[in-house]
C-alpha atoms as a PDB file:
ATOM      1  CA  UNK A   1    -111.149  11.121  60.584  1.00  0.00           C
ATOM      2  CA  UNK A   2    -112.962   7.912  59.323  1.00  0.00           C
ATOM      3  CA  UNK A   3    -112.838   7.529  55.570  1.00  0.00           C
ATOM      4  CA  UNK A   4    -115.628   8.239  53.686  1.00  0.00           C
ATOM      5  CA  UNK A   5    -117.127   4.975  52.192  1.00  0.00           C
ATOM      6  CA  UNK A   6    -120.060   5.590  50.386  1.00  0.00           C
ATOM      7  CA  UNK A   7    -122.006   2.064  48.593  1.00  0.00           C
ATOM      8  CA  UNK A   8    -123.478  -0.434  51.208  1.00  0.00           C
ATOM      9  CA  UNK A   9    -120.861  -3.279  49.412  1.00  0.00           C
ATOM     10  CA  UNK A  10    -118.536  -2.657  46.949  1.00  0.00           C
ATOM     11  CA  UNK A  11    -116.082  -4.947  44.718  1.00  0.00           C
ATOM     12  CA  UNK A  12    -112.103  -5.500  45.521  1.00  0.00           C
ATOM     13  CA  UNK A  13    -109.541  -6.764  43.659  1.00  0.00           C
ATOM     14  CA  UNK A  14    -106.462  -8.710  45.596  1.00  0.00           C
ATOM     15  CA  UNK A  15    -103.429  -9.663  43.799  1.00  0.00           C
ATOM     16  CA  UNK A  16    -100.972 -10.373  46.521  1.00  0.00           C
ATOM     17  CA  UNK A  17    -100.683 -11.822  50.020  1.00  0.00           C
ATOM     18  CA  UNK A  18    -104.667 -10.876  50.375  1.00  0.00           C
ATOM     19  CA  UNK A  19    -105.442 -13.820  47.847  1.00  0.00           C
ATOM     20  CA  UNK A  20    -106.879 -17.262  49.200  1.00  0.00           C
ATOM     21  CA  UNK A  21    -104.082 -19.650  51.215  1.00  0.00           C
ATOM     22  CA  UNK A  22    -101.654 -16.398  51.127  1.00  0.00           C
ATOM     23  CA  UNK A  23    -100.144 -14.647  54.692  1.00  0.00           C
ATOM     24  CA  UNK A  24    -103.027 -12.228  54.765  1.00  0.00           C
ATOM     25  CA  UNK A  25    -106.054 -14.047  52.973  1.00  0.00           C
ATOM     26  CA  UNK A  26    -108.739 -11.541  53.070  1.00  0.00           C
ATOM     27  CA  UNK A  27    -111.039 -15.034  53.719  1.00  0.00           C
ATOM     28  CA  UNK A  28    -109.952 -14.935  57.615  1.00  0.00           C
ATOM     29  CA  UNK A  29    -111.302 -11.279  58.025  1.00  0.00           C
ATOM     30  CA  UNK A  30    -114.407 -10.357  59.575  1.00  0.00           C
ATOM     31  CA  UNK A  31    -117.330  -9.744  58.101  1.00  0.00           C
ATOM     32  CA  UNK A  32    -116.155 -12.497  55.840  1.00  0.00           C
ATOM     33  CA  UNK A  33    -116.043 -11.469  52.014  1.00  0.00           C
ATOM     34  CA  UNK A  34    -117.775 -13.132  49.007  1.00  0.00           C
ATOM     35  CA  UNK A  35    -115.646 -14.342  46.391  1.00  0.00           C
ATOM     36  CA  UNK A  36    -116.744 -13.012  43.221  1.00  0.00           C
ATOM     37  CA  UNK A  37    -114.035 -14.887  40.704  1.00  0.00           C
ATOM     38  CA  UNK A  38    -110.313 -14.365  39.478  1.00  0.00           C
ATOM     39  CA  UNK A  39    -109.940 -11.424  37.065  1.00  0.00           C
ATOM     40  CA  UNK A  40    -107.169  -8.940  35.621  1.00  0.00           C
ATOM     41  CA  UNK A  41    -106.174  -5.711  35.687  1.00  0.00           C
ATOM     42  CA  UNK A  42    -103.295  -3.962  33.222  1.00  0.00           C
ATOM     43  CA  UNK A  43    -100.340  -3.152  35.447  1.00  0.00           C
ATOM     44  CA  UNK A  44     -97.033  -3.902  36.030  1.00  0.00           C
ATOM     45  CA  UNK A  45     -96.485  -6.564  39.152  1.00  0.00           C
ATOM     46  CA  UNK A  46     -93.262  -5.548  41.724  1.00  0.00           C
ATOM     47  CA  UNK A  47     -91.591  -7.949  44.306  1.00  0.00           C
ATOM     48  CA  UNK A  48     -91.359  -5.526  47.478  1.00  0.00           C
ATOM     49  CA  UNK A  49     -89.907  -8.770  49.954  1.00  0.00           C
ATOM     50  CA  UNK A  50     -92.753 -10.049  51.378  1.00  0.00           C
ATOM     51  CA  UNK A  51     -95.289  -8.778  49.227  1.00  0.00           C
ATOM     52  CA  UNK A  52     -96.126  -7.461  45.974  1.00  0.00           C
ATOM     53  CA  UNK A  53     -96.887  -3.972  44.851  1.00  0.00           C
ATOM     54  CA  UNK A  54     -98.775  -2.974  41.339  1.00  0.00           C
ATOM     55  CA  UNK A  55     -98.629   0.000  39.323  1.00  0.00           C
ATOM     56  CA  UNK A  56    -102.127   0.496  37.358  1.00  0.00           C
ATOM     57  CA  UNK A  57    -101.719   1.060  33.585  1.00  0.00           C
ATOM     58  CA  UNK A  58     -99.580  -0.425  30.912  1.00  0.00           C
ATOM     59  CA  UNK A  59    -100.506  -3.705  28.582  1.00  0.00           C
ATOM     60  CA  UNK A  60     -99.440  -6.137  31.246  1.00  0.00           C
ATOM     61  CA  UNK A  61    -101.828  -8.139  33.296  1.00  0.00           C
ATOM     62  CA  UNK A  62    -102.155  -9.001  36.530  1.00  0.00           C
ATOM     63  CA  UNK A  63    -103.740 -11.826  38.091  1.00  0.00           C
ATOM     64  CA  UNK A  64    -106.043 -11.415  40.884  1.00  0.00           C
ATOM     65  CA  UNK A  65    -108.867 -12.175  42.964  1.00  0.00           C
ATOM     66  CA  UNK A  66    -112.242 -10.192  43.332  1.00  0.00           C
ATOM     67  CA  UNK A  67    -114.795 -10.180  46.344  1.00  0.00           C
ATOM     68  CA  UNK A  68    -117.107  -8.733  47.427  1.00  0.00           C
ATOM     69  CA  UNK A  69    -116.878  -6.530  50.702  1.00  0.00           C
ATOM     70  CA  UNK A  70    -118.258  -4.324  53.297  1.00  0.00           C
ATOM     71  CA  UNK A  71    -117.578  -1.464  54.222  1.00  0.00           C
ATOM     72  CA  UNK A  72    -116.623  -3.002  57.911  1.00  0.00           C
ATOM     73  CA  UNK A  73    -114.411  -4.930  55.396  1.00  0.00           C
ATOM     74  CA  UNK A  74    -113.051  -1.901  53.462  1.00  0.00           C
ATOM     75  CA  UNK A  75    -111.693  -0.504  56.444  1.00  0.00           C
ATOM     76  CA  UNK A  76    -110.469  -2.734  57.916  1.00  0.00           C
ATOM     77  CA  UNK A  77    -108.118  -3.096  54.355  1.00  0.00           C
ATOM     78  CA  UNK A  78    -107.351   0.543  54.601  1.00  0.00           C
ATOM     79  CA  UNK A  79    -105.981  -0.365  58.031  1.00  0.00           C
ATOM     80  CA  UNK A  80    -103.766  -3.166  56.291  1.00  0.00           C
ATOM     81  CA  UNK A  81    -102.364  -1.474  53.288  1.00  0.00           C
ATOM     82  CA  UNK A  82    -101.768   1.426  55.378  1.00  0.00           C
ATOM     83  CA  UNK A  83    -104.231   4.021  53.742  1.00  0.00           C
ATOM     84  CA  UNK A  84    -106.234   5.187  56.663  1.00  0.00           C
ATOM     85  CA  UNK A  85    -106.051   6.065  60.288  1.00  0.00           C
ATOM     86  CA  UNK A  86    -102.202   6.876  59.270  1.00  0.00           C
ATOM     87  CA  UNK A  87    -101.297   7.621  55.601  1.00  0.00           C
ATOM     88  CA  UNK A  88     -97.570   6.366  55.150  1.00  0.00           C
ATOM     89  CA  UNK A  89     -97.644   6.916  51.460  1.00  0.00           C
ATOM     90  CA  UNK A  90     -96.973   3.616  50.306  1.00  0.00           C
ATOM     91  CA  UNK A  91    -100.378   2.230  48.972  1.00  0.00           C
ATOM     92  CA  UNK A  92    -102.930   4.559  47.132  1.00  0.00           C
ATOM     93  CA  UNK A  93    -106.496   3.380  47.147  1.00  0.00           C
ATOM     94  CA  UNK A  94    -107.698   3.383  43.671  1.00  0.00           C
ATOM     95  CA  UNK A  95    -110.829   2.456  41.322  1.00  0.00           C
ATOM     96  CA  UNK A  96    -109.712   0.264  38.247  1.00  0.00           C
ATOM     97  CA  UNK A  97    -112.314  -1.330  35.910  1.00  0.00           C
ATOM     98  CA  UNK A  98    -111.265  -5.447  36.642  1.00  0.00           C
ATOM     99  CA  UNK A  99    -111.588  -7.979  33.580  1.00  0.00           C
ATOM    100  CA  UNK A 100    -113.496 -11.102  34.838  1.00  0.00           C
ATOM    101  CA  UNK A 101    -114.770 -13.361  32.440  1.00  0.00           C
ATOM    102  CA  UNK A 102    -116.268 -11.637  29.690  1.00  0.00           C
ATOM    103  CA  UNK A 103    -117.566  -9.040  31.859  1.00  0.00           C
ATOM    104  CA  UNK A 104    -115.606  -5.926  33.733  1.00  0.00           C
ATOM    105  CA  UNK A 105    -116.248  -4.994  37.071  1.00  0.00           C
ATOM    106  CA  UNK A 106    -115.404  -1.574  38.734  1.00  0.00           C
ATOM    107  CA  UNK A 107    -112.929  -2.686  41.615  1.00  0.00           C
ATOM    108  CA  UNK A 108    -111.178  -1.140  44.560  1.00  0.00           C
ATOM    109  CA  UNK A 109    -107.441  -1.777  44.173  1.00  0.00           C
ATOM    110  CA  UNK A 110    -104.572  -0.721  46.544  1.00  0.00           C
ATOM    111  CA  UNK A 111    -101.645   0.298  44.301  1.00  0.00           C
ATOM    112  CA  UNK A 112     -98.248   1.307  45.318  1.00  0.00           C
ATOM    113  CA  UNK A 113     -96.137   4.758  44.958  1.00  0.00           C
ATOM    114  CA  UNK A 114     -93.977   4.638  42.288  1.00  0.00           C
ATOM    115  CA  UNK A 115     -91.457   5.648  44.630  1.00  0.00           C
ATOM    116  CA  UNK A 116     -91.558   2.433  46.704  1.00  0.00           C
ATOM    117  CA  UNK A 117     -90.655   0.361  43.138  1.00  0.00           C
ATOM    118  CA  UNK A 118     -87.450   2.373  41.934  1.00  0.00           C
ATOM    119  CA  UNK A 119     -84.880  -0.503  42.940  1.00  0.00           C
ATOM    120  CA  UNK A 120     -87.296  -3.713  42.826  1.00  0.00           C
ATOM    121  CA  UNK A 121     -87.466  -6.634  40.301  1.00  0.00           C
ATOM    122  CA  UNK A 122     -90.831  -6.961  38.066  1.00  0.00           C
ATOM    123  CA  UNK A 123     -92.738 -10.207  38.569  1.00  0.00           C
ATOM    124  CA  UNK A 124     -93.046 -11.254  35.222  1.00  0.00           C
ATOM    125  CA  UNK A 125     -95.756 -13.605  35.285  1.00  0.00           C
ATOM    126  CA  UNK A 126     -97.905 -10.943  36.679  1.00  0.00           C
ATOM    127  CA  UNK A 127     -99.334 -13.399  38.966  1.00  0.00           C
ATOM    128  CA  UNK A 128     -97.971 -12.978  42.601  1.00  0.00           C
ATOM    129  CA  UNK A 129     -98.614 -17.554  43.014  1.00  0.00           C
ATOM    130  CA  UNK A 130     -96.520 -18.198  40.814  1.00  0.00           C
ATOM    131  CA  UNK A 131     -93.490 -16.155  41.809  1.00  0.00           C
ATOM    132  CA  UNK A 132     -90.393 -18.801  42.174  1.00  0.00           C
ATOM    133  CA  UNK A 133     -88.019 -18.174  44.428  1.00  0.00           C
ATOM    134  CA  UNK A 134     -89.507 -15.408  46.065  1.00  0.00           C
ATOM    135  CA  UNK A 135     -86.823 -14.198  48.632  1.00  0.00           C
ATOM    136  CA  UNK A 136     -83.991 -13.570  46.172  1.00  0.00           C
ATOM    137  CA  UNK A 137     -86.204 -11.696  43.591  1.00  0.00           C
ATOM    138  CA  UNK A 138     -87.219  -8.941  45.937  1.00  0.00           C
ATOM    139  CA  UNK A 139     -86.292  -4.773  46.281  1.00  0.00           C
ATOM    140  CA  UNK A 140     -84.829  -2.579  48.623  1.00  0.00           C
ATOM    141  CA  UNK A 141     -87.532  -0.521  48.684  1.00  0.00           C
ATOM    142  CA  UNK A 142     -87.188   2.861  49.626  1.00  0.00           C
ATOM    143  CA  UNK A 143     -87.718   3.499  53.086  1.00  0.00           C
ATOM    144  CA  UNK A 144     -91.427   5.661  53.589  1.00  0.00           C
ATOM    145  CA  UNK A 145     -90.957   8.571  55.818  1.00  0.00           C
ATOM    146  CA  UNK A 146     -93.828   9.739  57.618  1.00  0.00           C
ATOM    147  CA  UNK A 147     -94.241  13.657  58.766  1.00  0.00           C
ATOM    148  CA  UNK A 148     -95.744  14.260  61.918  1.00  0.00           C
ATOM    149  CA  UNK A 149     -97.468  17.296  62.839  1.00  0.00           C
ATOM    150  CA  UNK A 150     -96.998  17.894  66.644  1.00  0.00           C
END
């Protein structure tokens, strides 16, 4: 079943490898997103190896970028984060309030499952782009077990 996307355009907050210049730069996807600006959310950023994961809530600030995206691009992001068509349980799609300049914008964000961060280190800066010595700071995240019905 195709995910339900109600708004013609919506905002997304990206905090890791989807940021500009990173391995999965959102700007390389089509249709192209529109960059809105830098933003912040409350949460904790974890090092999962080649990419980060965020758990929402708390008092720490996570740095990222806000983009305006089309429904087509939203579906692509759902596939990248594995929330559709096959849900792996690693990430879930959430709607959060993102601090942007002196405003707040409602954005889609992908939150990592709690089970995936149990042995992971926190990225204290809250900024994936400021991570030093990335290969030495990751965790052995718990594997995701898919249940397939036949």
